[in-house]
């Protein structure tokens, strides 16, 4: 699933539910700069147990210049604080 927000809406989003956070230009969906990637531990199932389907949750944050180092650092700091606080 993909969710698209602008930077101002980040504070209303529960970041822990997303596997990937990417910075994109407004309207862009094909290219993004990786800001955050959750490191998930794979679930181990018994050979006779049916595995659950994993759905990748992606958050696209629209910013004017996703390649700007200041924007990338600001978004990374926000994600880190949201995940570890």
PDB file of N, CA and C in Angstrom:
ATOM      1  N   UNK A   1       0.842  -1.171   0.000  1.00  0.00           N
ATOM      2  CA  UNK A   1       0.000   0.000   0.000  1.00  0.00           C
ATOM      3  C   UNK A   1       0.892   1.240   0.000  1.00  0.00           C
ATOM      4  N   UNK A   2       0.459   2.225  -0.711  1.00  0.00           N
ATOM      5  CA  UNK A   2       1.206   3.478  -0.804  1.00  0.00           C
ATOM      6  C   UNK A   2       0.342   4.598  -0.251  1.00  0.00           C
ATOM      7  N   UNK A   3       0.953   5.398   0.626  1.00  0.00           N
ATOM      8  CA  UNK A   3       0.301   6.587   1.168  1.00  0.00           C
ATOM      9  C   UNK A   3       1.147   7.780   0.755  1.00  0.00           C
ATOM     10  N   UNK A   4       0.504   8.840   0.309  1.00  0.00           N
ATOM     11  CA  UNK A   4       1.216  10.050  -0.117  1.00  0.00           C
ATOM     12  C   UNK A   4       0.805  11.201   0.787  1.00  0.00           C
ATOM     13  N   UNK A   5       1.805  11.905   1.342  1.00  0.00           N
ATOM     14  CA  UNK A   5       1.563  13.070   2.190  1.00  0.00           C
ATOM     15  C   UNK A   5       2.573  14.152   1.842  1.00  0.00           C
ATOM     16  N   UNK A   6       2.301  15.366   2.279  1.00  0.00           N
ATOM     17  CA  UNK A   6       3.334  16.391   2.168  1.00  0.00           C
ATOM     18  C   UNK A   6       4.072  16.450   3.509  1.00  0.00           C
ATOM     19  N   UNK A   7       5.155  17.161   3.545  1.00  0.00           N
ATOM     20  CA  UNK A   7       5.996  17.183   4.747  1.00  0.00           C
ATOM     21  C   UNK A   7       5.246  17.684   5.977  1.00  0.00           C
ATOM     22  N   UNK A   8       4.355  18.647   5.784  1.00  0.00           N
ATOM     23  CA  UNK A   8       3.597  19.202   6.914  1.00  0.00           C
ATOM     24  C   UNK A   8       2.652  18.176   7.542  1.00  0.00           C
ATOM     25  N   UNK A   9       2.231  17.178   6.790  1.00  0.00           N
ATOM     26  CA  UNK A   9       1.304  16.166   7.287  1.00  0.00           C
ATOM     27  C   UNK A   9       2.005  15.027   8.034  1.00  0.00           C
ATOM     28  N   UNK A  10       3.320  15.006   8.038  1.00  0.00           N
ATOM     29  CA  UNK A  10       4.058  13.920   8.695  1.00  0.00           C
ATOM     30  C   UNK A  10       3.680  13.748  10.159  1.00  0.00           C
ATOM     31  N   UNK A  11       3.440  14.856  10.835  1.00  0.00           N
ATOM     32  CA  UNK A  11       3.137  14.767  12.268  1.00  0.00           C
ATOM     33  C   UNK A  11       1.796  14.093  12.545  1.00  0.00           C
ATOM     34  N   UNK A  12       0.957  13.934  11.509  1.00  0.00           N
ATOM     35  CA  UNK A  12      -0.336  13.265  11.678  1.00  0.00           C
ATOM     36  C   UNK A  12      -0.273  11.791  11.298  1.00  0.00           C
ATOM     37  N   UNK A  13       0.887  11.335  10.854  1.00  0.00           N
ATOM     38  CA  UNK A  13       1.055   9.962  10.363  1.00  0.00           C
ATOM     39  C   UNK A  13       1.727   9.103  11.422  1.00  0.00           C
ATOM     40  N   UNK A  14       1.282   7.872  11.545  1.00  0.00           N
ATOM     41  CA  UNK A  14       1.914   6.915  12.441  1.00  0.00           C
ATOM     42  C   UNK A  14       3.020   6.192  11.659  1.00  0.00           C
ATOM     43  N   UNK A  15       4.241   6.714  11.754  1.00  0.00           N
ATOM     44  CA  UNK A  15       5.344   6.231  10.917  1.00  0.00           C
ATOM     45  C   UNK A  15       5.707   4.775  11.156  1.00  0.00           C
ATOM     46  N   UNK A  16       5.481   4.266  12.336  1.00  0.00           N
ATOM     47  CA  UNK A  16       5.861   2.882  12.640  1.00  0.00           C
ATOM     48  C   UNK A  16       5.156   1.843  11.780  1.00  0.00           C
ATOM     49  N   UNK A  17       4.052   2.207  11.159  1.00  0.00           N
ATOM     50  CA  UNK A  17       3.338   1.232  10.338  1.00  0.00           C
ATOM     51  C   UNK A  17       3.896   1.114   8.918  1.00  0.00           C
ATOM     52  N   UNK A  18       4.859   1.982   8.569  1.00  0.00           N
ATOM     53  CA  UNK A  18       5.407   1.980   7.213  1.00  0.00           C
ATOM     54  C   UNK A  18       6.757   1.270   7.159  1.00  0.00           C
ATOM     55  N   UNK A  19       6.946   0.501   6.091  1.00  0.00           N
ATOM     56  CA  UNK A  19       8.208  -0.207   5.878  1.00  0.00           C
ATOM     57  C   UNK A  19       9.231   0.697   5.191  1.00  0.00           C
ATOM     58  N   UNK A  20       8.766   1.551   4.313  1.00  0.00           N
ATOM     59  CA  UNK A  20       9.638   2.452   3.566  1.00  0.00           C
ATOM     60  C   UNK A  20       9.072   3.864   3.600  1.00  0.00           C
ATOM     61  N   UNK A  21       9.978   4.828   3.713  1.00  0.00           N
ATOM     62  CA  UNK A  21       9.612   6.234   3.582  1.00  0.00           C
ATOM     63  C   UNK A  21      10.509   6.810   2.503  1.00  0.00           C
ATOM     64  N   UNK A  22       9.905   7.428   1.487  1.00  0.00           N
ATOM     65  CA  UNK A  22      10.649   8.009   0.377  1.00  0.00           C
ATOM     66  C   UNK A  22      10.256   9.464   0.181  1.00  0.00           C
ATOM     67  N   UNK A  23      11.224  10.284  -0.191  1.00  0.00           N
ATOM     68  CA  UNK A  23      10.948  11.673  -0.552  1.00  0.00           C
ATOM     69  C   UNK A  23      10.745  11.727  -2.063  1.00  0.00           C
ATOM     70  N   UNK A  24       9.676  12.388  -2.495  1.00  0.00           N
ATOM     71  CA  UNK A  24       9.355  12.494  -3.920  1.00  0.00           C
ATOM     72  C   UNK A  24       8.947  13.921  -4.253  1.00  0.00           C
ATOM     73  N   UNK A  25       9.047  14.261  -5.526  1.00  0.00           N
ATOM     74  CA  UNK A  25       8.525  15.548  -5.988  1.00  0.00           C
ATOM     75  C   UNK A  25       6.995  15.456  -6.025  1.00  0.00           C
ATOM     76  N   UNK A  26       6.295  16.569  -5.858  1.00  0.00           N
ATOM     77  CA  UNK A  26       4.831  16.534  -5.931  1.00  0.00           C
ATOM     78  C   UNK A  26       4.353  15.904  -7.240  1.00  0.00           C
ATOM     79  N   UNK A  27       3.488  14.922  -7.123  1.00  0.00           N
ATOM     80  CA  UNK A  27       2.950  14.233  -8.291  1.00  0.00           C
ATOM     81  C   UNK A  27       3.811  13.078  -8.794  1.00  0.00           C
ATOM     82  N   UNK A  28       5.028  12.971  -8.339  1.00  0.00           N
ATOM     83  CA  UNK A  28       5.956  11.916  -8.775  1.00  0.00           C
ATOM     84  C   UNK A  28       5.678  10.619  -8.034  1.00  0.00           C
ATOM     85  N   UNK A  29       5.660   9.511  -8.762  1.00  0.00           N
ATOM     86  CA  UNK A  29       5.445   8.204  -8.129  1.00  0.00           C
ATOM     87  C   UNK A  29       6.485   7.180  -8.574  1.00  0.00           C
ATOM     88  N   UNK A  30       7.265   7.500  -9.607  1.00  0.00           N
ATOM     89  CA  UNK A  30       8.213   6.538 -10.170  1.00  0.00           C
ATOM     90  C   UNK A  30       9.594   6.609  -9.532  1.00  0.00           C
ATOM     91  N   UNK A  31       9.975   7.766  -9.030  1.00  0.00           N
ATOM     92  CA  UNK A  31      11.319   7.945  -8.478  1.00  0.00           C
ATOM     93  C   UNK A  31      11.226   8.591  -7.112  1.00  0.00           C
ATOM     94  N   UNK A  32      11.968   8.065  -6.163  1.00  0.00           N
ATOM     95  CA  UNK A  32      12.006   8.661  -4.838  1.00  0.00           C
ATOM     96  C   UNK A  32      13.353   8.434  -4.187  1.00  0.00           C
ATOM     97  N   UNK A  33      13.675   9.273  -3.236  1.00  0.00           N
ATOM     98  CA  UNK A  33      14.908   9.157  -2.468  1.00  0.00           C
ATOM     99  C   UNK A  33      14.573   8.450  -1.156  1.00  0.00           C
ATOM    100  N   UNK A  34      15.263   7.339  -0.893  1.00  0.00           N
ATOM    101  CA  UNK A  34      14.979   6.589   0.330  1.00  0.00           C
ATOM    102  C   UNK A  34      15.367   7.403   1.557  1.00  0.00           C
ATOM    103  N   UNK A  35      14.423   7.560   2.461  1.00  0.00           N
ATOM    104  CA  UNK A  35      14.640   8.272   3.710  1.00  0.00           C
ATOM    105  C   UNK A  35      14.756   7.285   4.862  1.00  0.00           C
ATOM    106  N   UNK A  36      13.897   6.299   4.865  1.00  0.00           N
ATOM    107  CA  UNK A  36      13.837   5.355   5.976  1.00  0.00           C
ATOM    108  C   UNK A  36      13.405   3.997   5.456  1.00  0.00           C
ATOM    109  N   UNK A  37      14.030   2.954   5.960  1.00  0.00           N
ATOM    110  CA  UNK A  37      13.612   1.581   5.649  1.00  0.00           C
ATOM    111  C   UNK A  37      13.591   0.808   6.949  1.00  0.00           C
ATOM    112  N   UNK A  38      12.428   0.323   7.303  1.00  0.00           N
ATOM    113  CA  UNK A  38      12.298  -0.458   8.536  1.00  0.00           C
ATOM    114  C   UNK A  38      12.951  -1.816   8.331  1.00  0.00           C
ATOM    115  N   UNK A  39      13.711  -2.232   9.291  1.00  0.00           N
ATOM    116  CA  UNK A  39      14.344  -3.543   9.241  1.00  0.00           C
ATOM    117  C   UNK A  39      13.450  -4.510  10.003  1.00  0.00           C
ATOM    118  N   UNK A  40      12.738  -5.290   9.282  1.00  0.00           N
ATOM    119  CA  UNK A  40      11.800  -6.231   9.886  1.00  0.00           C
ATOM    120  C   UNK A  40      12.442  -7.609   9.957  1.00  0.00           C
ATOM    121  N   UNK A  41      12.183  -8.307  11.028  1.00  0.00           N
ATOM    122  CA  UNK A  41      12.660  -9.671  11.185  1.00  0.00           C
ATOM    123  C   UNK A  41      11.609 -10.598  10.567  1.00  0.00           C
ATOM    124  N   UNK A  42      12.069 -11.483   9.729  1.00  0.00           N
ATOM    125  CA  UNK A  42      11.147 -12.402   9.071  1.00  0.00           C
ATOM    126  C   UNK A  42      10.493 -13.337  10.089  1.00  0.00           C
ATOM    127  N   UNK A  43       9.235 -13.615   9.852  1.00  0.00           N
ATOM    128  CA  UNK A  43       8.508 -14.554  10.692  1.00  0.00           C
ATOM    129  C   UNK A  43       8.830 -15.968  10.229  1.00  0.00           C
ATOM    130  N   UNK A  44       9.147 -16.828  11.150  1.00  0.00           N
ATOM    131  CA  UNK A  44       9.459 -18.216  10.820  1.00  0.00           C
ATOM    132  C   UNK A  44       8.216 -19.063  11.092  1.00  0.00           C
ATOM    133  N   UNK A  45       7.849 -19.836  10.102  1.00  0.00           N
ATOM    134  CA  UNK A  45       6.672 -20.684  10.210  1.00  0.00           C
ATOM    135  C   UNK A  45       7.077 -22.152  10.196  1.00  0.00           C
ATOM    136  N   UNK A  46       6.292 -22.964  10.851  1.00  0.00           N
ATOM    137  CA  UNK A  46       6.463 -24.409  10.799  1.00  0.00           C
ATOM    138  C   UNK A  46       6.160 -24.872   9.374  1.00  0.00           C
ATOM    139  N   UNK A  47       6.756 -25.958   8.945  1.00  0.00           N
ATOM    140  CA  UNK A  47       6.562 -26.416   7.570  1.00  0.00           C
ATOM    141  C   UNK A  47       5.104 -26.738   7.244  1.00  0.00           C
ATOM    142  N   UNK A  48       4.311 -27.013   8.248  1.00  0.00           N
ATOM    143  CA  UNK A  48       2.907 -27.345   8.015  1.00  0.00           C
ATOM    144  C   UNK A  48       1.961 -26.164   8.253  1.00  0.00           C
ATOM    145  N   UNK A  49       2.522 -25.014   8.519  1.00  0.00           N
ATOM    146  CA  UNK A  49       1.722 -23.827   8.803  1.00  0.00           C
ATOM    147  C   UNK A  49       1.727 -22.900   7.593  1.00  0.00           C
ATOM    148  N   UNK A  50       0.557 -22.401   7.258  1.00  0.00           N
ATOM    149  CA  UNK A  50       0.449 -21.471   6.144  1.00  0.00           C
ATOM    150  C   UNK A  50       0.992 -20.104   6.547  1.00  0.00           C
ATOM    151  N   UNK A  51       1.834 -19.545   5.711  1.00  0.00           N
ATOM    152  CA  UNK A  51       2.437 -18.241   6.004  1.00  0.00           C
ATOM    153  C   UNK A  51       1.442 -17.123   5.720  1.00  0.00           C
ATOM    154  N   UNK A  52       1.533 -16.061   6.510  1.00  0.00           N
ATOM    155  CA  UNK A  52       0.696 -14.883   6.293  1.00  0.00           C
ATOM    156  C   UNK A  52       1.298 -14.039   5.167  1.00  0.00           C
ATOM    157  N   UNK A  53       0.451 -13.401   4.410  1.00  0.00           N
ATOM    158  CA  UNK A  53       0.892 -12.533   3.332  1.00  0.00           C
ATOM    159  C   UNK A  53       1.411 -11.235   3.931  1.00  0.00           C
ATOM    160  N   UNK A  54       2.585 -10.825   3.502  1.00  0.00           N
ATOM    161  CA  UNK A  54       3.155  -9.559   3.964  1.00  0.00           C
ATOM    162  C   UNK A  54       2.841  -8.474   2.950  1.00  0.00           C
ATOM    163  N   UNK A  55       2.338  -7.363   3.426  1.00  0.00           N
ATOM    164  CA  UNK A  55       2.039  -6.236   2.557  1.00  0.00           C
ATOM    165  C   UNK A  55       3.027  -5.121   2.867  1.00  0.00           C
ATOM    166  N   UNK A  56       3.732  -4.680   1.845  1.00  0.00           N
ATOM    167  CA  UNK A  56       4.698  -3.601   1.994  1.00  0.00           C
ATOM    168  C   UNK A  56       3.956  -2.278   2.082  1.00  0.00           C
ATOM    169  N   UNK A  57       4.193  -1.549   3.162  1.00  0.00           N
ATOM    170  CA  UNK A  57       3.569  -0.236   3.358  1.00  0.00           C
ATOM    171  C   UNK A  57       4.609   0.835   3.029  1.00  0.00           C
ATOM    172  N   UNK A  58       4.312   1.660   2.038  1.00  0.00           N
ATOM    173  CA  UNK A  58       5.227   2.714   1.614  1.00  0.00           C
ATOM    174  C   UNK A  58       4.604   4.072   1.855  1.00  0.00           C
ATOM    175  N   UNK A  59       5.419   4.981   2.393  1.00  0.00           N
ATOM    176  CA  UNK A  59       4.982   6.357   2.596  1.00  0.00           C
ATOM    177  C   UNK A  59       5.812   7.244   1.675  1.00  0.00           C
ATOM    178  N   UNK A  60       5.131   7.990   0.817  1.00  0.00           N
ATOM    179  CA  UNK A  60       5.794   8.943  -0.074  1.00  0.00           C
ATOM    180  C   UNK A  60       5.554  10.336   0.488  1.00  0.00           C
ATOM    181  N   UNK A  61       6.638  11.052   0.751  1.00  0.00           N
ATOM    182  CA  UNK A  61       6.554  12.402   1.290  1.00  0.00           C
ATOM    183  C   UNK A  61       6.891  13.374   0.162  1.00  0.00           C
ATOM    184  N   UNK A  62       5.908  14.179  -0.206  1.00  0.00           N
ATOM    185  CA  UNK A  62       6.130  15.130  -1.295  1.00  0.00           C
ATOM    186  C   UNK A  62       6.869  16.367  -0.779  1.00  0.00           C
ATOM    187  N   UNK A  63       8.002  16.651  -1.430  1.00  0.00           N
ATOM    188  CA  UNK A  63       8.813  17.833  -1.131  1.00  0.00           C
ATOM    189  C   UNK A  63       9.253  18.436  -2.458  1.00  0.00           C
ATOM    190  N   UNK A  64       9.587  19.716  -2.441  1.00  0.00           N
ATOM    191  CA  UNK A  64       9.972  20.390  -3.691  1.00  0.00           C
ATOM    192  C   UNK A  64      11.252  19.814  -4.296  1.00  0.00           C
ATOM    193  N   UNK A  65      12.245  19.522  -3.461  1.00  0.00           N
ATOM    194  CA  UNK A  65      13.514  18.993  -3.964  1.00  0.00           C
ATOM    195  C   UNK A  65      13.954  17.792  -3.134  1.00  0.00           C
ATOM    196  N   UNK A  66      13.558  16.579  -3.538  1.00  0.00           N
ATOM    197  CA  UNK A  66      13.898  15.400  -2.753  1.00  0.00           C
ATOM    198  C   UNK A  66      15.388  15.063  -2.748  1.00  0.00           C
ATOM    199  N   UNK A  67      16.155  15.678  -3.628  1.00  0.00           N
ATOM    200  CA  UNK A  67      17.598  15.432  -3.672  1.00  0.00           C
ATOM    201  C   UNK A  67      18.393  16.390  -2.785  1.00  0.00           C
ATOM    202  N   UNK A  68      17.720  17.375  -2.206  1.00  0.00           N
ATOM    203  CA  UNK A  68      18.383  18.355  -1.350  1.00  0.00           C
ATOM    204  C   UNK A  68      18.820  17.682  -0.044  1.00  0.00           C
ATOM    205  N   UNK A  69      20.101  17.778   0.261  1.00  0.00           N
ATOM    206  CA  UNK A  69      20.670  17.120   1.445  1.00  0.00           C
ATOM    207  C   UNK A  69      20.011  17.594   2.737  1.00  0.00           C
ATOM    208  N   UNK A  70      19.663  18.872   2.826  1.00  0.00           N
ATOM    209  CA  UNK A  70      19.011  19.403   4.031  1.00  0.00           C
ATOM    210  C   UNK A  70      17.629  18.786   4.215  1.00  0.00           C
ATOM    211  N   UNK A  71      16.900  18.614   3.128  1.00  0.00           N
ATOM    212  CA  UNK A  71      15.565  17.999   3.183  1.00  0.00           C
ATOM    213  C   UNK A  71      15.695  16.538   3.605  1.00  0.00           C
ATOM    214  N   UNK A  72      16.629  15.818   3.001  1.00  0.00           N
ATOM    215  CA  UNK A  72      16.848  14.410   3.335  1.00  0.00           C
ATOM    216  C   UNK A  72      17.188  14.258   4.812  1.00  0.00           C
ATOM    217  N   UNK A  73      18.108  15.065   5.302  1.00  0.00           N
ATOM    218  CA  UNK A  73      18.514  14.983   6.711  1.00  0.00           C
ATOM    219  C   UNK A  73      17.365  15.331   7.654  1.00  0.00           C
ATOM    220  N   UNK A  74      16.577  16.335   7.299  1.00  0.00           N
ATOM    221  CA  UNK A  74      15.435  16.727   8.125  1.00  0.00           C
ATOM    222  C   UNK A  74      14.415  15.584   8.214  1.00  0.00           C
ATOM    223  N   UNK A  75      14.128  14.956   7.085  1.00  0.00           N
ATOM    224  CA  UNK A  75      13.171  13.851   7.069  1.00  0.00           C
ATOM    225  C   UNK A  75      13.720  12.625   7.806  1.00  0.00           C
ATOM    226  N   UNK A  76      15.014  12.345   7.628  1.00  0.00           N
ATOM    227  CA  UNK A  76      15.629  11.213   8.340  1.00  0.00           C
ATOM    228  C   UNK A  76      15.575  11.431   9.846  1.00  0.00           C
ATOM    229  N   UNK A  77      15.886  12.638  10.289  1.00  0.00           N
ATOM    230  CA  UNK A  77      15.826  12.953  11.721  1.00  0.00           C
ATOM    231  C   UNK A  77      14.413  12.769  12.256  1.00  0.00           C
ATOM    232  N   UNK A  78      13.434  13.238  11.507  1.00  0.00           N
ATOM    233  CA  UNK A  78      12.044  13.108  11.943  1.00  0.00           C
ATOM    234  C   UNK A  78      11.653  11.632  12.061  1.00  0.00           C
ATOM    235  N   UNK A  79      12.014  10.835  11.058  1.00  0.00           N
ATOM    236  CA  UNK A  79      11.677   9.407  11.085  1.00  0.00           C
ATOM    237  C   UNK A  79      12.359   8.690  12.239  1.00  0.00           C
ATOM    238  N   UNK A  80      13.612   9.019  12.461  1.00  0.00           N
ATOM    239  CA  UNK A  80      14.348   8.360  13.557  1.00  0.00           C
ATOM    240  C   UNK A  80      13.705   8.687  14.913  1.00  0.00           C
ATOM    241  N   UNK A  81      13.363   9.945  15.104  1.00  0.00           N
ATOM    242  CA  UNK A  81      12.729  10.341  16.357  1.00  0.00           C
ATOM    243  C   UNK A  81      11.371   9.665  16.524  1.00  0.00           C
ATOM    244  N   UNK A  82      10.611   9.567  15.428  1.00  0.00           N
ATOM    245  CA  UNK A  82       9.290   8.943  15.492  1.00  0.00           C
ATOM    246  C   UNK A  82       9.398   7.445  15.794  1.00  0.00           C
ATOM    247  N   UNK A  83      10.413   6.790  15.273  1.00  0.00           N
ATOM    248  CA  UNK A  83      10.557   5.361  15.485  1.00  0.00           C
ATOM    249  C   UNK A  83      11.115   5.013  16.857  1.00  0.00           C
ATOM    250  N   UNK A  84      12.007   5.843  17.373  1.00  0.00           N
ATOM    251  CA  UNK A  84      12.721   5.472  18.596  1.00  0.00           C
ATOM    252  C   UNK A  84      12.318   6.252  19.822  1.00  0.00           C
ATOM    253  N   UNK A  85      11.269   7.048  19.736  1.00  0.00           N
ATOM    254  CA  UNK A  85      10.846   7.784  20.934  1.00  0.00           C
ATOM    255  C   UNK A  85       9.574   7.206  21.523  1.00  0.00           C
TER     256      UNK A  85
END
